[in-house]
Amino acid sequence: MKIVTGHSVQNAFPAFCEMLGEVPEVTVLFPDRGFRSFVDVVKAHEPDIVMTMDSMIPSAMLALPQLDDECLPIHKRVVVTADYNSALLVVAAQTGFDDVVDVSRSIGVVIAQLGDLIEGKRSLRSNPIWQLLDCPSDLSRTEIILADEVDRQIVGLVAVGLSDREIADLVYLSCQTVRNRVSRLLDRCGVRNRTQLALLYTRAEYERVVRHHQTSDRSVCRFDHASVEAV
């Protein structure tokens, strides 16, 4: 079993990481700080599991589109926590993680849990907590679908916390029209409320900015290469 632990996990739970490394059938890899180092290690070693701290869940959600663009080998994404609770399970599953590991449990229990996860015998969505929820959405597999530029303006204003009345004044529509548009956005995107819609928008904007910078970097590289050849 190969495990990559993010820099946050190394800092927060050094004893846990050390115990993982002492298990004979486990290889633990520790990337240096930074996104690029993490991606390079995952590509080079093709781990079964990648571990992230619970405090990094919001950042991880924003980074998922960028990680997908990297075409990383298939692996299970696991949240590591010292505060295991039902709310965290739901947040982790909504964000796109496969399981949550409680560091207060024995290392033997943790290894057995990870083994079941790799073999497909375990997942967050097999947890009984999901029976209490009304068809929760998996936001990691949901995309925002905008009908036009007005939709883009409205959802951007929803994301910064404005009310329907405030949005209506800014986009020069009636309050009821804004409500209708927000309702259609929720249905079209398959999300349950404005909070989820705002999360989708934030993730989409992050992905757009990242891709813009990647395209700009490639353009600069081509220009520099052409200049060298011309010289």
Protein backbone atom coordinates (compact mmCIF):
# COMPACT_ATOMS: atom_id res chain seq x y z
CA MET A 1 0.00 0.00 0.00
CA LYS A 2 1.46 3.36 -1.07
CA ILE A 3 0.32 6.48 0.77
CA VAL A 4 1.12 10.12 0.01
CA THR A 5 0.58 12.47 2.94
CA GLY A 6 0.14 16.16 2.31
CA HIS A 7 2.37 18.68 4.04
CA SER A 8 -0.44 19.67 6.42
CA VAL A 9 -0.78 16.06 7.64
CA GLN A 10 2.97 15.83 8.24
CA ASN A 11 2.91 18.98 10.35
CA ALA A 12 -0.24 18.22 12.34
CA PHE A 13 0.25 14.49 12.98
CA PRO A 14 3.97 13.60 12.84
CA ALA A 15 3.54 10.65 15.24
CA PHE A 16 0.72 9.25 13.10
CA CYS A 17 2.85 9.56 9.95
CA GLU A 18 5.75 7.85 11.71
CA MET A 19 3.53 4.95 12.78
CA LEU A 20 2.25 4.59 9.22
CA GLY A 21 5.83 4.39 7.97
CA GLU A 22 6.64 1.61 10.42
CA VAL A 23 3.93 -0.74 9.06
CA PRO A 24 5.75 -3.34 6.89
CA GLU A 25 3.23 -3.44 4.05
CA VAL A 26 2.93 0.36 3.82
CA THR A 27 5.14 2.84 1.94
CA VAL A 28 4.60 6.45 3.00
CA LEU A 29 5.74 9.27 0.71
CA PHE A 30 6.19 12.84 1.92
CA PRO A 31 6.13 15.53 -0.80
CA ASP A 32 7.84 18.84 -0.16
CA ARG A 33 5.63 21.86 0.44
CA GLY A 34 3.78 23.12 -2.64
CA PHE A 35 1.27 21.96 -5.22
CA ARG A 36 3.86 21.09 -7.87
CA SER A 37 5.85 18.86 -5.55
CA PHE A 38 2.67 17.03 -4.54
CA VAL A 39 1.65 16.45 -8.17
CA ASP A 40 5.14 15.23 -9.14
CA VAL A 41 5.22 12.69 -6.29
CA VAL A 42 1.77 11.33 -7.12
CA LYS A 43 2.66 11.01 -10.81
CA ALA A 44 6.00 9.37 -10.12
CA HIS A 45 4.90 6.87 -7.46
CA GLU A 46 1.21 6.22 -8.30
CA PRO A 47 -0.01 5.85 -4.69
CA ASP A 48 -3.12 4.00 -3.63
CA ILE A 49 -4.10 6.74 -1.18
CA VAL A 50 -3.54 10.47 -0.81
CA MET A 51 -4.12 11.98 2.65
CA THR A 52 -5.19 15.57 3.38
CA MET A 53 -5.90 17.38 6.66
CA ASP A 54 -9.52 18.17 7.49
CA SER A 55 -8.65 21.88 7.66
CA MET A 56 -7.59 21.72 4.00
CA ILE A 57 -10.98 20.54 2.68
CA PRO A 58 -12.07 23.96 1.32
CA SER A 59 -8.74 24.42 -0.49
CA ALA A 60 -8.87 20.85 -1.75
CA MET A 61 -12.30 21.39 -3.27
CA LEU A 62 -11.03 24.40 -5.21
CA ALA A 63 -7.95 22.47 -6.34
CA LEU A 64 -9.84 19.39 -7.61
CA PRO A 65 -10.30 20.76 -11.16
CA GLN A 66 -6.60 21.56 -11.36
CA LEU A 67 -5.72 18.10 -10.05
CA ASP A 68 -7.99 16.53 -12.65
CA ASP A 69 -6.22 18.54 -15.37
CA GLU A 70 -2.95 16.94 -14.25
CA CYS A 71 -4.28 13.48 -15.26
CA LEU A 72 -3.03 11.94 -12.03
CA PRO A 73 -3.14 8.14 -11.60
CA ILE A 74 -6.24 6.77 -9.90
CA HIS A 75 -6.09 6.97 -6.10
CA LYS A 76 -8.35 7.28 -3.08
CA ARG A 77 -8.59 10.68 -1.41
CA VAL A 78 -8.69 10.51 2.38
CA VAL A 79 -9.22 13.18 5.05
CA VAL A 80 -7.16 12.86 8.25
CA THR A 81 -8.64 14.29 11.45
CA ALA A 82 -8.45 14.29 15.22
CA ASP A 83 -12.08 15.46 15.41
CA TYR A 84 -14.10 12.66 13.83
CA ASN A 85 -17.80 13.53 13.57
CA SER A 86 -20.82 13.09 11.33
CA ALA A 87 -20.71 16.65 10.00
CA LEU A 88 -17.15 16.14 8.78
CA LEU A 89 -18.16 12.92 7.00
CA VAL A 90 -20.83 14.77 5.04
CA VAL A 91 -18.55 17.70 4.15
CA ALA A 92 -15.78 15.36 3.03
CA ALA A 93 -18.13 13.29 0.86
CA GLN A 94 -19.73 16.40 -0.65
CA THR A 95 -16.28 17.71 -1.54
CA GLY A 96 -15.21 14.53 -3.30
CA PHE A 97 -13.20 12.60 -0.71
CA ASP A 98 -13.51 8.84 -0.36
CA ASP A 99 -13.06 8.38 3.38
CA VAL A 100 -12.13 9.99 6.70
CA VAL A 101 -9.43 8.59 9.00
CA ASP A 102 -9.54 9.14 12.76
CA VAL A 103 -5.97 9.45 14.09
CA SER A 104 -7.12 8.62 17.62
CA ARG A 105 -7.76 5.02 16.57
CA SER A 106 -5.06 2.36 16.61
CA ILE A 107 -2.79 2.11 13.60
CA GLY A 108 -4.03 -1.44 13.00
CA VAL A 109 -7.63 -0.23 12.70
CA VAL A 110 -6.55 2.57 10.35
CA ILE A 111 -4.61 0.20 8.08
CA ALA A 112 -7.59 -2.21 7.95
CA GLN A 113 -9.87 0.72 7.05
CA LEU A 114 -7.56 1.87 4.27
CA GLY A 115 -7.26 -1.67 2.94
CA ASP A 116 -11.05 -1.99 2.73
CA LEU A 117 -11.21 1.37 0.97
CA ILE A 118 -8.70 0.30 -1.69
CA GLU A 119 -10.55 -2.97 -2.26
CA GLY A 120 -13.88 -1.18 -2.67
CA LYS A 121 -15.38 -2.64 0.50
CA ARG A 122 -15.74 0.77 2.12
CA SER A 123 -16.71 4.32 1.16
CA LEU A 124 -18.11 7.41 2.82
CA ARG A 125 -21.43 6.86 1.11
CA SER A 126 -21.81 3.44 2.71
CA ASN A 127 -21.90 5.16 6.11
CA PRO A 128 -25.36 5.11 7.79
CA ILE A 129 -25.28 8.91 8.09
CA TRP A 130 -26.40 9.15 4.45
CA GLN A 131 -29.72 7.54 5.34
CA LEU A 132 -30.54 10.67 7.33
CA LEU A 133 -30.09 12.99 4.35
CA ASP A 134 -32.40 13.71 1.45
CA CYS A 135 -30.41 12.68 -1.64
CA PRO A 136 -27.26 14.72 -0.89
CA SER A 137 -25.41 16.01 -3.93
CA ASP A 138 -21.79 15.09 -4.66
CA LEU A 139 -20.43 18.53 -5.46
CA SER A 140 -17.16 17.11 -6.76
CA ARG A 141 -19.04 15.70 -9.77
CA THR A 142 -21.38 18.63 -10.32
CA GLU A 143 -20.80 21.46 -12.78
CA ILE A 144 -22.39 24.87 -12.87
CA ILE A 145 -24.59 25.40 -15.93
CA LEU A 146 -25.32 29.00 -16.88
CA ALA A 147 -27.93 29.91 -19.49
CA ASP A 148 -26.53 33.37 -20.27
CA GLU A 149 -24.44 36.27 -18.98
CA VAL A 150 -27.25 37.37 -16.66
CA ASP A 151 -27.10 33.97 -14.97
CA ARG A 152 -23.35 34.48 -14.51
CA GLN A 153 -23.93 37.87 -12.90
CA ILE A 154 -26.66 36.54 -10.63
CA VAL A 155 -24.75 33.51 -9.40
CA GLY A 156 -21.68 35.66 -8.81
CA LEU A 157 -23.75 37.93 -6.59
CA VAL A 158 -25.29 34.95 -4.81
CA ALA A 159 -21.74 33.73 -4.11
CA VAL A 160 -20.85 36.96 -2.29
CA GLY A 161 -23.97 36.71 -0.12
CA LEU A 162 -26.41 39.21 -1.65
CA SER A 163 -30.16 38.81 -1.24
CA ASP A 164 -32.57 38.52 -4.16
CA ARG A 165 -33.67 42.14 -3.63
CA GLU A 166 -30.08 43.41 -3.69
CA ILE A 167 -29.30 41.36 -6.79
CA ALA A 168 -32.43 42.62 -8.54
CA ASP A 169 -31.36 46.23 -8.03
CA LEU A 170 -27.91 45.53 -9.49
CA VAL A 171 -28.96 43.57 -12.58
CA TYR A 172 -32.07 45.68 -13.31
CA LEU A 173 -34.58 42.84 -12.98
CA SER A 174 -37.57 42.35 -10.72
CA CYS A 175 -37.03 40.50 -7.47
CA GLN A 176 -39.37 37.72 -8.64
CA THR A 177 -37.39 37.30 -11.88
CA VAL A 178 -34.19 36.91 -9.86
CA ARG A 179 -35.88 34.32 -7.63
CA ASN A 180 -37.08 32.42 -10.70
CA ARG A 181 -33.61 32.47 -12.24
CA VAL A 182 -31.97 31.26 -9.02
CA SER A 183 -34.55 28.47 -8.75
CA ARG A 184 -33.85 27.38 -12.33
CA LEU A 185 -30.09 27.48 -11.65
CA LEU A 186 -30.55 25.19 -8.65
CA ASP A 187 -32.60 22.73 -10.71
CA ARG A 188 -30.25 22.87 -13.71
CA CYS A 189 -27.13 22.29 -11.63
CA GLY A 190 -28.76 19.65 -9.43
CA VAL A 191 -27.88 21.35 -6.15
CA ARG A 192 -30.07 21.89 -3.11
CA ASN A 193 -29.54 25.48 -2.04
CA ARG A 194 -27.75 28.78 -2.63
CA THR A 195 -24.75 27.71 -0.57
CA GLN A 196 -24.02 24.79 -2.87
CA LEU A 197 -24.59 27.02 -5.89
CA ALA A 198 -22.07 29.51 -4.50
CA LEU A 199 -19.54 26.72 -3.97
CA LEU A 200 -19.94 25.54 -7.56
CA TYR A 201 -19.44 29.08 -8.83
CA THR A 202 -16.34 29.63 -6.70
CA ARG A 203 -14.82 26.36 -7.89
CA ALA A 204 -15.61 27.15 -11.54
CA GLU A 205 -14.02 30.60 -11.24
CA TYR A 206 -10.93 29.09 -9.61
CA GLU A 207 -10.66 26.59 -12.45
CA ARG A 208 -11.04 29.35 -15.04
CA VAL A 209 -8.27 31.44 -13.47
CA VAL A 210 -5.92 28.47 -13.19
CA ARG A 211 -6.44 27.51 -16.83
CA HIS A 212 -5.95 31.11 -17.93
CA HIS A 213 -2.58 31.23 -16.17
CA GLN A 214 -1.57 27.85 -17.58
CA THR A 215 -2.40 29.05 -21.11
CA SER A 216 -0.50 32.30 -20.53
CA ASP A 217 2.54 30.39 -19.27
CA ARG A 218 2.54 28.14 -22.34
CA SER A 219 2.25 31.18 -24.61
CA VAL A 220 5.27 32.80 -22.92
CA CYS A 221 7.26 29.61 -23.27
CA ARG A 222 6.49 29.36 -26.98
CA PHE A 223 7.42 33.01 -27.48
CA ASP A 224 10.73 32.62 -25.64
CA HIS A 225 11.55 29.46 -27.57
CA ALA A 226 10.80 31.15 -30.89
CA SER A 227 12.97 34.12 -29.89
CA VAL A 228 15.90 31.83 -29.08
CA GLU A 229 15.57 30.06 -32.41
CA ALA A 230 15.43 33.42 -34.21
CA VAL A 231 18.67 34.50 -32.52
